Amino acid sequence: MATSPIDLQRPEGKGLAAGTLGLWGSTVIGLASTAPVYSLVATLGFVVLAVGAQAPIAFVIAFIPMLFIAFAYRELNNDVPDCGTTFTWGTKAFGPWVGWMGGWGVAVAGMVVLANLAQIAGIYFWALVDGIVGNPDDALLADNVPLVTATGVVFIAAMTWVSWRGVEIGERIQNVLLAIQYVALAIFVVAALWQFFAGTAPDPTPFDWSWFNPFAFTEWSGFVEAVLLALFIYWGWDTCLALNEETKDPKRIPGRAALLTTVILLFTYVGVTVAAMMYAGLGETGTGLGNEANADDFFLAIKDGLLGPLGWVLVVAVMISAISSTQTTILPTARGTLAMAAYKALPRRFATVHPRYKTPSFSTLVMGVVAIVYYVGMTLISDNILQDSILSLGLAIAFYYAITGYACVWYFRRELFDSTRNFFYRFLLPLLGSLMLTYAFVQSAIDMYDVDYGYTVLLGIGGTFVLGIGSLAFGVLLMLLWFLFPRAKAFFRGESLNRDTPVLVPEDPADYARSIDGGLV
């Protein structure tokens, strides 16, 4: 009986679709991952409540650590263009234990935010239907929890399929979805400024350069709260780096796309904030940005007064933003777990790559299933617990971003002072960014410990603290459990991944063989 020959040569890379994305595609995916419209909706009102007229400078200050960490990502990616990003770099710099926890931080952030995005997409979808149908307030479909939850599950499943189907189709969809978001933001800014200059704005407030004065903050606690809130809306640009093995120039394009993404976001957030302040003012009543009743959804509060019959445009934009980010959030986590499995830090099944679509098929599907189970589970237990888990998201973000910055400094420690460029981009700026994020992590944890923070109290302390720190601690437990498996020994002994391991490490030929069409089986 004839059999097909099996090629046991070491395959190059991890089987992903190399050369798929260019600079524009990477940037689009990075922008989509941050969900710019939804991020503004979720944070703008709370930032104004915290610091008032200093909201624009708060967004600028929060941009600084993001930029510094983006430099760390760029430098590490130039030397080690691996889709494991924080996991791979942390392991090369500090060893397997720190690297594994860095990878877990990425996974936790992705899982929690997916539940949030799905819920928002479901709520806004049915809010749009309510607006079209004209449902009365006591029969709003957007208030129907089972219906919203089911819709959110459908959105996660659909975006998981898109991610499984391939990066190229995902990029095409993201081009359309991101264009819709920015058209909506442009309409918002133009309409707000038009009404300001026409004198028809509800509280026209002339632009003032003092809004950008970093020394005008009156309370340190308010300043810290505002910056921590602003950090959240920049998060997501690192998706560009997670797709490095699928770009046309893995060493240069992802880093450039990350930097370009953060700069575009800065101008977007500051521009929209200034326009909103000029249109609505900072009043504590009506449509004022200082009105606590509008803090959790400023766009929804002003859409009718600003755009009249076209107010639905903002509802669609928020919904599209959440759906778009749902798909792009799956990408980095799936590739992170793919890399972890390739280096034996997770079970080998996670390294499975679809033979045709060249995507981390098993990791992508697991990410979608886990997100759905988490979302439905948290909703069934308590919506307040779900909201507190979302509030705790900043801890995981600051955790793995800081690890990346410190990894940059330590990985390049022997060449930090070889040139002025190395001093700034591999030492000073990444170190400052990491120190800022470390402070943000510690300060956030202290604040979250208070029982008055968030919506729940667990174990006699703030539920947000329990969920945030608990999710990271759960990662330690999983890491120790994996350590007990024989396959894990090579990783934890520093054999499958260390400082000298070549980039794009191929899978072990004893574990995987090449199929005829080049996919992993």
Protein backbone atom coordinates (compact mmCIF):
# COMPACT_ATOMS: atom_id res chain seq x y z
CA MET A 1 0.00 0.00 0.00
CA ALA A 2 1.50 3.31 -1.09
CA THR A 3 1.69 6.13 1.38
CA SER A 4 2.39 9.82 0.96
CA PRO A 5 5.88 10.78 2.08
CA ILE A 6 6.06 12.85 5.25
CA ASP A 7 8.43 15.77 5.30
CA LEU A 8 10.17 15.89 8.67
CA GLN A 9 12.30 18.92 7.80
CA ARG A 10 11.90 21.80 10.21
CA PRO A 11 9.29 24.13 8.69
CA GLU A 12 9.90 27.84 8.80
CA GLY A 13 7.69 30.03 10.93
CA LYS A 14 4.44 28.96 12.54
CA GLY A 15 2.41 28.51 9.37
CA LEU A 16 0.68 31.92 9.42
CA ALA A 17 -0.14 33.83 6.22
CA ALA A 18 3.12 35.72 5.74
CA GLY A 19 3.16 38.90 3.66
CA THR A 20 -0.57 39.60 3.94
CA LEU A 21 -0.64 43.06 5.57
CA GLY A 22 1.00 46.32 4.60
CA LEU A 23 1.44 49.48 6.65
CA TRP A 24 -2.10 50.68 6.01
CA GLY A 25 -3.69 47.31 6.81
CA SER A 26 -1.73 47.02 10.06
CA THR A 27 -2.66 50.57 11.05
CA VAL A 28 -6.35 50.00 10.30
CA ILE A 29 -6.40 46.89 12.49
CA GLY A 30 -4.56 48.75 15.26
CA LEU A 31 -7.08 51.61 15.15
CA ALA A 32 -10.04 49.24 15.02
CA SER A 33 -8.74 47.39 18.08
CA THR A 34 -9.00 50.54 20.18
CA ALA A 35 -12.68 51.05 19.18
CA PRO A 36 -12.24 54.85 18.98
CA VAL A 37 -15.94 55.80 18.94
CA TYR A 38 -16.95 53.47 21.75
CA SER A 39 -13.86 54.38 23.79
CA LEU A 40 -14.82 58.05 23.64
CA VAL A 41 -18.43 57.27 24.57
CA ALA A 42 -17.32 55.20 27.55
CA THR A 43 -14.73 57.59 28.99
CA LEU A 44 -15.21 61.21 27.89
CA GLY A 45 -17.92 62.04 30.41
CA PHE A 46 -16.06 60.44 33.32
CA VAL A 47 -12.80 62.22 32.42
CA VAL A 48 -14.62 65.57 32.45
CA LEU A 49 -16.20 64.73 35.81
CA ALA A 50 -12.71 64.00 37.16
CA VAL A 51 -10.80 67.04 35.84
CA GLY A 52 -13.31 69.39 34.23
CA ALA A 53 -11.81 71.68 31.60
CA GLN A 54 -8.46 69.86 31.73
CA ALA A 55 -9.88 66.86 29.87
CA PRO A 56 -7.89 67.59 26.66
CA ILE A 57 -4.54 67.71 28.45
CA ALA A 58 -5.48 64.52 30.36
CA PHE A 59 -5.76 62.69 27.03
CA VAL A 60 -2.40 64.15 25.97
CA ILE A 61 -0.68 63.07 29.21
CA ALA A 62 -2.15 59.56 28.99
CA PHE A 63 -0.74 59.36 25.47
CA ILE A 64 2.83 59.74 26.77
CA PRO A 65 3.27 56.29 28.42
CA MET A 66 1.49 54.70 25.45
CA LEU A 67 3.97 56.32 23.07
CA PHE A 68 6.93 55.29 25.22
CA ILE A 69 5.74 51.68 25.35
CA ALA A 70 5.09 51.78 21.60
CA PHE A 71 8.80 52.56 21.18
CA ALA A 72 9.60 49.48 23.29
CA TYR A 73 7.34 47.35 21.11
CA ARG A 74 8.99 48.72 17.98
CA GLU A 75 12.53 48.06 19.18
CA LEU A 76 11.78 44.54 20.40
CA ASN A 77 9.87 43.73 17.23
CA ASN A 78 12.79 44.92 15.09
CA ASP A 79 14.99 42.32 16.80
CA VAL A 80 12.43 39.60 17.59
CA PRO A 81 9.44 39.79 15.20
CA ASP A 82 7.42 37.07 16.91
CA CYS A 83 3.62 37.00 17.18
CA GLY A 84 3.95 36.09 20.87
CA THR A 85 4.98 39.73 21.57
CA THR A 86 4.95 40.26 25.35
CA PHE A 87 5.14 36.53 26.08
CA THR A 88 8.11 35.97 23.78
CA TRP A 89 9.96 39.16 24.71
CA GLY A 90 9.32 38.74 28.43
CA THR A 91 10.62 35.18 28.29
CA LYS A 92 13.75 36.16 26.37
CA ALA A 93 14.46 39.00 28.81
CA PHE A 94 13.42 37.59 32.19
CA GLY A 95 12.82 33.88 31.74
CA PRO A 96 9.79 31.58 31.36
CA TRP A 97 7.84 32.55 34.48
CA VAL A 98 7.63 36.28 33.72
CA GLY A 99 7.07 35.61 30.04
CA TRP A 100 4.18 33.21 30.72
CA MET A 101 2.46 35.74 32.96
CA GLY A 102 2.92 38.44 30.33
CA GLY A 103 1.12 36.22 27.83
CA TRP A 104 -1.61 35.59 30.39
CA GLY A 105 -2.07 39.34 30.89
CA VAL A 106 -2.78 39.73 27.16
CA ALA A 107 -5.28 36.86 27.26
CA VAL A 108 -7.13 38.20 30.33
CA ALA A 109 -7.49 41.69 28.86
CA GLY A 110 -8.85 40.26 25.63
CA MET A 111 -11.36 37.96 27.30
CA VAL A 112 -12.78 40.65 29.60
CA VAL A 113 -13.06 43.35 26.97
CA LEU A 114 -14.77 40.96 24.52
CA ALA A 115 -17.61 40.51 27.00
CA ASN A 116 -17.93 44.27 27.32
CA LEU A 117 -17.83 44.89 23.57
CA ALA A 118 -20.42 42.20 22.91
CA GLN A 119 -22.77 43.70 25.46
CA ILE A 120 -22.37 47.20 24.02
CA ALA A 121 -22.90 45.94 20.46
CA GLY A 122 -26.07 44.16 21.56
CA ILE A 123 -27.45 47.15 23.45
CA TYR A 124 -26.81 49.58 20.61
CA PHE A 125 -28.19 47.21 17.98
CA TRP A 126 -31.52 47.03 19.75
CA ALA A 127 -31.41 50.74 20.65
CA LEU A 128 -31.25 51.37 16.90
CA VAL A 129 -34.24 49.07 16.37
CA ASP A 130 -36.13 50.83 19.19
CA GLY A 131 -35.49 54.16 17.49
CA ILE A 132 -36.72 52.90 14.13
CA VAL A 133 -39.80 51.13 15.47
CA GLY A 134 -40.58 53.81 18.07
CA ASN A 135 -40.95 51.51 21.09
CA PRO A 136 -42.18 53.15 24.32
CA ASP A 137 -39.75 53.50 27.24
CA ASP A 138 -41.36 50.64 29.16
CA ALA A 139 -40.91 48.21 26.25
CA LEU A 140 -37.42 48.99 24.98
CA LEU A 141 -35.69 46.01 23.40
CA ALA A 142 -32.33 47.46 24.47
CA ASP A 143 -33.35 46.83 28.10
CA ASN A 144 -34.15 43.16 27.47
CA VAL A 145 -31.15 41.40 29.05
CA PRO A 146 -31.67 37.91 27.51
CA LEU A 147 -32.16 39.46 24.05
CA VAL A 148 -29.10 41.70 24.36
CA THR A 149 -26.99 38.82 25.68
CA ALA A 150 -28.04 36.51 22.85
CA THR A 151 -27.25 39.23 20.33
CA GLY A 152 -23.83 39.77 21.91
CA VAL A 153 -23.12 36.05 21.63
CA VAL A 154 -24.02 36.17 17.93
CA PHE A 155 -21.62 39.08 17.40
CA ILE A 156 -18.76 37.24 19.16
CA ALA A 157 -19.45 34.10 17.11
CA ALA A 158 -19.56 36.06 13.85
CA MET A 159 -16.32 37.94 14.53
CA THR A 160 -14.64 34.73 15.67
CA TRP A 161 -15.55 33.23 12.29
CA VAL A 162 -14.09 36.26 10.49
CA SER A 163 -10.86 35.93 12.49
CA TRP A 164 -10.74 32.19 11.80
CA ARG A 165 -11.44 32.75 8.11
CA GLY A 166 -8.30 34.83 7.53
CA VAL A 167 -6.48 38.10 8.15
CA GLU A 168 -7.12 39.35 4.63
CA ILE A 169 -10.92 39.20 4.85
CA GLY A 170 -10.69 40.71 8.33
CA GLU A 171 -8.65 43.61 6.98
CA ARG A 172 -11.21 44.30 4.24
CA ILE A 173 -14.07 44.32 6.74
CA GLN A 174 -12.11 46.56 9.12
CA ASN A 175 -11.46 49.09 6.34
CA VAL A 176 -15.21 49.52 5.94
CA LEU A 177 -16.04 49.53 9.66
CA LEU A 178 -13.26 51.99 10.52
CA ALA A 179 -14.32 54.30 7.70
CA ILE A 180 -17.86 54.36 9.12
CA GLN A 181 -16.50 55.25 12.57
CA TYR A 182 -14.38 58.13 11.32
CA VAL A 183 -17.14 59.47 9.08
CA ALA A 184 -19.41 59.53 12.14
CA LEU A 185 -16.75 61.30 14.22
CA ALA A 186 -16.22 63.84 11.43
CA ILE A 187 -19.97 64.49 11.30
CA PHE A 188 -19.97 64.96 15.08
CA VAL A 189 -17.08 67.45 15.04
CA VAL A 190 -18.43 69.43 12.07
CA ALA A 191 -21.95 69.59 13.51
CA ALA A 192 -20.69 70.60 16.97
CA LEU A 193 -18.46 73.38 15.63
CA TRP A 194 -21.17 74.52 13.19
CA GLN A 195 -23.68 74.97 16.02
CA PHE A 196 -21.03 76.66 18.19
CA PHE A 197 -20.24 79.30 15.56
CA ALA A 198 -23.93 79.64 14.65
CA GLY A 199 -24.78 80.29 18.29
CA THR A 200 -27.26 77.40 18.46
CA ALA A 201 -25.20 75.13 20.71
CA PRO A 202 -26.84 74.41 24.11
CA ASP A 203 -23.86 75.86 26.00
CA PRO A 204 -21.37 77.41 23.56
CA THR A 205 -17.99 77.56 25.27
CA PRO A 206 -15.14 79.37 23.49
CA PHE A 207 -11.92 77.44 23.01
CA ASP A 208 -9.33 78.22 25.67
CA TRP A 209 -5.64 77.27 25.59
CA SER A 210 -5.84 76.72 29.36
CA TRP A 211 -7.53 73.42 28.55
CA PHE A 212 -4.03 72.21 27.63
CA ASN A 213 -2.31 73.51 30.76
CA PRO A 214 -0.80 70.49 32.60
CA PHE A 215 -0.36 72.58 35.76
CA ALA A 216 -4.03 73.53 36.07
CA PHE A 217 -5.20 70.29 37.69
CA THR A 218 -6.68 71.10 41.08
CA GLU A 219 -6.74 67.62 42.66
CA TRP A 220 -4.13 64.87 42.34
CA SER A 221 -6.75 62.12 42.77
CA GLY A 222 -8.83 63.56 39.94
CA PHE A 223 -5.76 63.81 37.72
CA VAL A 224 -4.79 60.17 38.37
CA GLU A 225 -8.35 58.98 37.77
CA ALA A 226 -8.58 60.88 34.48
CA VAL A 227 -5.24 59.58 33.18
CA LEU A 228 -6.13 56.00 34.13
CA LEU A 229 -9.42 56.35 32.27
CA ALA A 230 -7.62 57.82 29.28
CA LEU A 231 -5.11 54.96 29.26
CA PHE A 232 -7.96 52.57 28.53
CA ILE A 233 -9.00 54.32 25.34
CA TYR A 234 -5.52 54.05 23.85
CA TRP A 235 -5.25 50.32 24.58
CA GLY A 236 -5.36 48.00 21.58
CA TRP A 237 -2.75 49.46 19.23
CA ASP A 238 -0.42 46.54 20.04
CA THR A 239 -2.57 44.30 17.83
CA CYS A 240 -0.35 45.61 15.02
CA LEU A 241 2.59 43.81 16.62
CA ALA A 242 0.70 40.56 17.22
CA LEU A 243 0.23 40.33 13.45
CA ASN A 244 3.93 40.92 12.73
CA GLU A 245 4.48 37.50 11.17
CA GLU A 246 1.66 38.22 8.69
CA THR A 247 2.97 41.57 7.45
CA LYS A 248 5.03 42.23 4.33
CA ASP A 249 7.97 43.51 6.38
CA PRO A 250 7.74 41.91 9.86
CA LYS A 251 10.63 43.87 11.37
CA ARG A 252 9.59 47.38 10.34
CA ILE A 253 5.91 47.67 9.39
CA PRO A 254 4.33 46.57 12.73
CA GLY A 255 6.37 49.06 14.79
CA ARG A 256 5.62 51.90 12.39
CA ALA A 257 1.94 50.99 12.36
CA ALA A 258 1.84 51.01 16.18
CA LEU A 259 3.39 54.47 16.38
CA LEU A 260 1.13 55.77 13.59
CA THR A 261 -1.92 54.34 15.36
CA THR A 262 -1.15 56.03 18.68
CA VAL A 263 -0.57 59.41 17.01
CA ILE A 264 -3.82 59.20 15.02
CA LEU A 265 -5.69 58.27 18.20
CA LEU A 266 -4.20 61.27 20.04
CA PHE A 267 -5.48 63.73 17.44
CA THR A 268 -8.83 61.93 17.25
CA TYR A 269 -9.51 61.97 20.98
CA VAL A 270 -8.28 65.51 21.60
CA GLY A 271 -10.14 66.88 18.55
CA VAL A 272 -13.47 65.28 19.50
CA THR A 273 -13.07 66.34 23.15
CA VAL A 274 -12.45 69.98 22.22
CA ALA A 275 -15.44 70.01 19.84
CA ALA A 276 -17.67 68.44 22.51
CA MET A 277 -16.60 71.00 25.11
CA MET A 278 -17.21 73.89 22.73
CA TYR A 279 -20.68 72.53 21.88
CA ALA A 280 -22.00 71.31 25.25
CA GLY A 281 -19.85 73.08 27.81
CA LEU A 282 -19.03 71.69 31.24
CA GLY A 283 -22.38 72.30 32.92
CA GLU A 284 -23.83 69.83 35.38
CA THR A 285 -27.33 69.90 33.88
CA GLY A 286 -28.88 69.16 30.50
CA THR A 287 -26.38 68.09 27.86
CA GLY A 288 -23.39 69.49 29.78
CA LEU A 289 -20.33 67.27 29.95
CA GLY A 290 -20.37 67.71 33.72
CA ASN A 291 -23.81 66.10 34.04
CA GLU A 292 -23.32 62.77 35.82
CA ALA A 293 -26.45 61.40 34.16
CA ASN A 294 -24.71 61.64 30.77
CA ALA A 295 -21.30 60.39 31.84
CA ASP A 296 -21.69 56.80 30.70
CA ASP A 297 -22.97 57.74 27.23
CA PHE A 298 -22.48 61.35 26.19
CA PHE A 299 -23.19 60.73 22.50
CA LEU A 300 -26.58 59.18 23.22
CA ALA A 301 -27.53 62.17 25.38
CA ILE A 302 -26.79 64.80 22.72
CA LYS A 303 -27.49 62.96 19.45
CA ASP A 304 -30.97 64.37 18.87
CA GLY A 305 -30.06 67.97 19.72
CA LEU A 306 -26.88 67.82 17.67
CA LEU A 307 -27.99 65.91 14.58
CA GLY A 308 -31.78 65.88 14.80
CA PRO A 309 -33.21 63.13 12.57
CA LEU A 310 -29.67 61.97 11.78
CA GLY A 311 -28.99 61.18 15.44
CA TRP A 312 -29.07 57.47 14.58
CA VAL A 313 -25.67 57.97 12.90
CA LEU A 314 -23.98 58.11 16.33
CA VAL A 315 -25.85 55.01 17.52
CA VAL A 316 -24.68 53.10 14.44
CA ALA A 317 -21.11 54.37 14.95
CA VAL A 318 -20.92 53.10 18.53
CA MET A 319 -22.39 49.73 17.53
CA ILE A 320 -19.97 49.41 14.59
CA SER A 321 -17.07 50.42 16.84
CA ALA A 322 -17.87 47.66 19.34
CA ILE A 323 -18.38 45.02 16.63
CA SER A 324 -15.17 46.04 14.89
CA SER A 325 -13.11 45.85 18.06
CA THR A 326 -14.64 42.45 18.88
CA GLN A 327 -12.98 40.98 15.80
CA THR A 328 -9.61 42.68 16.22
CA THR A 329 -9.42 41.85 19.94
CA ILE A 330 -9.52 38.14 19.10
CA LEU A 331 -6.47 38.45 16.82
CA PRO A 332 -3.66 39.19 19.33
CA THR A 333 -4.87 36.71 21.93
CA ALA A 334 -5.17 33.88 19.42
CA ARG A 335 -1.68 34.57 18.09
CA GLY A 336 -0.30 34.91 21.59
CA THR A 337 -1.57 31.47 22.58
CA LEU A 338 -0.32 30.09 19.24
CA ALA A 339 3.19 31.31 20.07
CA MET A 340 2.95 29.99 23.62
CA ALA A 341 2.05 26.55 22.30
CA ALA A 342 4.81 26.66 19.68
CA TYR A 343 7.33 27.21 22.47
CA LYS A 344 5.69 24.51 24.65
CA ALA A 345 4.21 27.00 27.13
CA LEU A 346 0.72 25.66 26.34
CA PRO A 347 -0.70 22.37 25.02
CA ARG A 348 0.36 21.67 21.43
CA ARG A 349 -3.24 21.90 20.14
CA PHE A 350 -3.12 25.69 20.51
CA ALA A 351 -0.42 25.80 17.83
CA THR A 352 -2.74 24.36 15.17
CA VAL A 353 -2.82 26.54 12.05
CA HIS A 354 -5.57 26.17 9.43
CA PRO A 355 -4.01 24.61 6.32
CA ARG A 356 -5.94 26.88 3.94
CA TYR A 357 -6.62 30.12 5.79
CA LYS A 358 -3.26 30.20 7.63
CA THR A 359 -4.85 31.36 10.87
CA PRO A 360 -4.39 29.97 14.41
CA SER A 361 -7.61 28.00 14.03
CA PHE A 362 -7.85 26.23 17.39
CA SER A 363 -6.65 29.25 19.40
CA THR A 364 -9.14 31.51 17.61
CA LEU A 365 -12.08 29.17 18.24
CA VAL A 366 -11.09 28.69 21.89
CA MET A 367 -10.89 32.45 22.35
CA GLY A 368 -14.40 32.87 20.94
CA VAL A 369 -15.86 30.06 23.06
CA VAL A 370 -14.18 31.27 26.27
CA ALA A 371 -15.38 34.84 25.65
CA ILE A 372 -18.95 33.63 25.11
CA VAL A 373 -18.91 31.45 28.24
CA TYR A 374 -17.42 34.27 30.30
CA TYR A 375 -19.92 36.83 28.97
CA VAL A 376 -22.97 34.63 29.51
CA GLY A 377 -21.71 33.42 32.88
CA MET A 378 -21.03 36.89 34.22
CA THR A 379 -24.40 38.12 32.95
CA LEU A 380 -26.23 35.24 34.63
CA ILE A 381 -24.41 35.76 37.93
CA SER A 382 -24.73 39.54 38.05
CA ASP A 383 -24.48 42.39 35.63
CA ASN A 384 -22.70 44.34 38.39
CA ILE A 385 -19.92 41.73 38.51
CA LEU A 386 -19.57 41.95 34.73
CA GLN A 387 -19.25 45.74 34.99
CA ASP A 388 -16.66 45.44 37.78
CA SER A 389 -14.61 43.00 35.70
CA ILE A 390 -14.56 45.60 32.95
CA LEU A 391 -13.48 48.31 35.40
CA SER A 392 -10.60 46.05 36.46
CA LEU A 393 -9.34 45.78 32.89
CA GLY A 394 -6.78 48.54 33.42
CA LEU A 395 -4.80 46.30 35.78
CA ALA A 396 -4.16 43.65 33.12
CA ILE A 397 -3.35 46.31 30.51
CA ALA A 398 -0.85 48.14 32.72
CA PHE A 399 0.58 44.77 33.80
CA TYR A 400 1.58 43.43 30.41
CA TYR A 401 2.49 46.80 28.88
CA ALA A 402 4.87 47.43 31.80
CA ILE A 403 6.43 43.98 31.39
CA THR A 404 7.08 44.80 27.73
CA GLY A 405 8.80 48.08 28.59
CA TYR A 406 11.00 46.50 31.25
CA ALA A 407 11.78 43.62 28.87
CA CYS A 408 13.01 46.10 26.28
CA VAL A 409 15.46 47.67 28.73
CA TRP A 410 16.77 44.35 30.03
CA TYR A 411 16.91 42.56 26.68
CA PHE A 412 19.06 45.33 25.18
CA ARG A 413 20.98 46.03 28.38
CA ARG A 414 24.40 45.36 26.81
CA GLU A 415 23.91 47.97 24.08
CA LEU A 416 21.89 50.71 25.78
CA PHE A 417 24.73 53.22 25.70
CA ASP A 418 26.18 52.32 22.30
CA SER A 419 24.37 55.23 20.65
CA THR A 420 22.07 58.14 21.42
CA ARG A 421 19.26 56.32 19.63
CA ASN A 422 19.63 53.23 21.82
CA PHE A 423 19.75 55.35 24.96
CA PHE A 424 16.41 56.97 24.22
CA TYR A 425 14.43 54.26 22.40
CA ARG A 426 15.72 51.16 24.20
CA PHE A 427 16.38 52.55 27.66
CA LEU A 428 15.02 55.90 28.80
CA LEU A 429 11.63 56.08 27.09
CA PRO A 430 10.61 52.41 27.65
CA LEU A 431 11.77 52.65 31.26
CA LEU A 432 9.79 55.83 31.89
CA GLY A 433 6.72 54.33 30.23
CA SER A 434 6.97 51.20 32.36
CA LEU A 435 7.43 53.18 35.57
CA MET A 436 4.35 55.27 34.73
CA LEU A 437 2.30 52.14 34.08
CA THR A 438 3.61 50.47 37.24
CA TYR A 439 2.42 53.46 39.21
CA ALA A 440 -0.92 53.29 37.37
CA PHE A 441 -1.21 49.60 38.29
CA VAL A 442 -0.42 50.15 41.97
CA GLN A 443 -2.60 53.25 42.30
CA SER A 444 -5.49 51.53 40.53
CA ALA A 445 -5.23 48.49 42.77
CA ILE A 446 -5.27 50.70 45.88
CA ASP A 447 -8.31 52.59 44.63
CA MET A 448 -10.11 49.37 43.64
CA TYR A 449 -9.57 47.87 47.09
CA ASP A 450 -12.05 50.40 48.50
CA VAL A 451 -15.56 48.96 48.88
CA ASP A 452 -16.99 52.15 47.39
CA TYR A 453 -15.14 51.57 44.10
CA GLY A 454 -17.24 49.88 41.44
CA TYR A 455 -20.54 48.08 41.82
CA THR A 456 -19.84 45.07 44.07
CA VAL A 457 -18.19 44.03 47.31
CA LEU A 458 -16.48 40.62 47.36
CA LEU A 459 -14.72 39.07 50.37
CA GLY A 460 -15.28 42.31 52.26
CA ILE A 461 -13.26 44.44 49.80
CA GLY A 462 -13.90 46.10 46.46
CA GLY A 463 -15.16 43.62 43.89
CA THR A 464 -13.12 45.31 41.17
CA PHE A 465 -9.92 44.62 43.09
CA VAL A 466 -10.86 40.97 43.65
CA LEU A 467 -11.66 40.45 39.97
CA GLY A 468 -8.62 42.34 38.68
CA ILE A 469 -5.97 40.90 40.96
CA GLY A 470 -7.79 37.56 41.10
CA SER A 471 -7.69 37.12 37.32
CA LEU A 472 -3.91 37.66 37.33
CA ALA A 473 -3.50 35.31 40.32
CA PHE A 474 -5.56 32.70 38.48
CA GLY A 475 -2.91 32.88 35.76
CA VAL A 476 -0.27 31.93 38.33
CA LEU A 477 -2.36 28.86 39.24
CA LEU A 478 -2.73 27.82 35.59
CA MET A 479 1.00 28.31 35.02
CA LEU A 480 1.85 26.06 37.98
CA LEU A 481 -0.59 23.41 36.74
CA TRP A 482 0.98 23.45 33.26
CA PHE A 483 4.41 23.20 34.88
CA LEU A 484 3.43 19.71 36.13
CA PHE A 485 2.94 18.34 32.58
CA PRO A 486 5.95 16.63 30.93
CA ARG A 487 5.61 18.69 27.72
CA ALA A 488 6.05 21.89 29.74
CA LYS A 489 9.50 20.97 31.05
CA ALA A 490 11.36 22.17 27.95
CA PHE A 491 9.81 25.62 28.28
CA PHE A 492 10.31 26.06 32.02
CA ARG A 493 13.90 24.82 31.76
CA GLY A 494 14.54 27.54 29.18
CA GLU A 495 15.20 25.07 26.35
CA SER A 496 12.35 25.78 23.91
CA LEU A 497 12.63 29.56 24.27
CA ASN A 498 15.53 31.60 25.58
CA ARG A 499 17.50 34.68 24.65
CA ASP A 500 19.43 32.84 21.93
CA THR A 501 16.44 31.09 20.35
CA PRO A 502 16.11 32.22 16.69
CA VAL A 503 13.06 34.31 15.83
CA LEU A 504 10.03 32.70 14.20
CA VAL A 505 10.95 29.40 15.83
CA PRO A 506 9.40 26.51 13.87
CA GLU A 507 7.39 23.86 15.61
CA ASP A 508 9.04 20.66 16.73
CA PRO A 509 9.04 18.30 13.71
CA ALA A 510 8.28 15.41 16.01
CA ASP A 511 5.04 17.12 16.99
CA TYR A 512 3.94 18.46 13.62
CA ALA A 513 4.27 17.41 10.00
CA ARG A 514 3.65 19.42 6.88
CA SER A 515 0.62 18.59 4.79
CA ILE A 516 0.74 18.79 1.00
CA ASP A 517 -0.76 22.28 0.90
CA GLY A 518 1.58 23.64 3.55
CA GLY A 519 -0.82 23.70 6.49
CA LEU A 520 -0.18 22.15 9.86
CA VAL A 521 -1.93 18.92 10.70
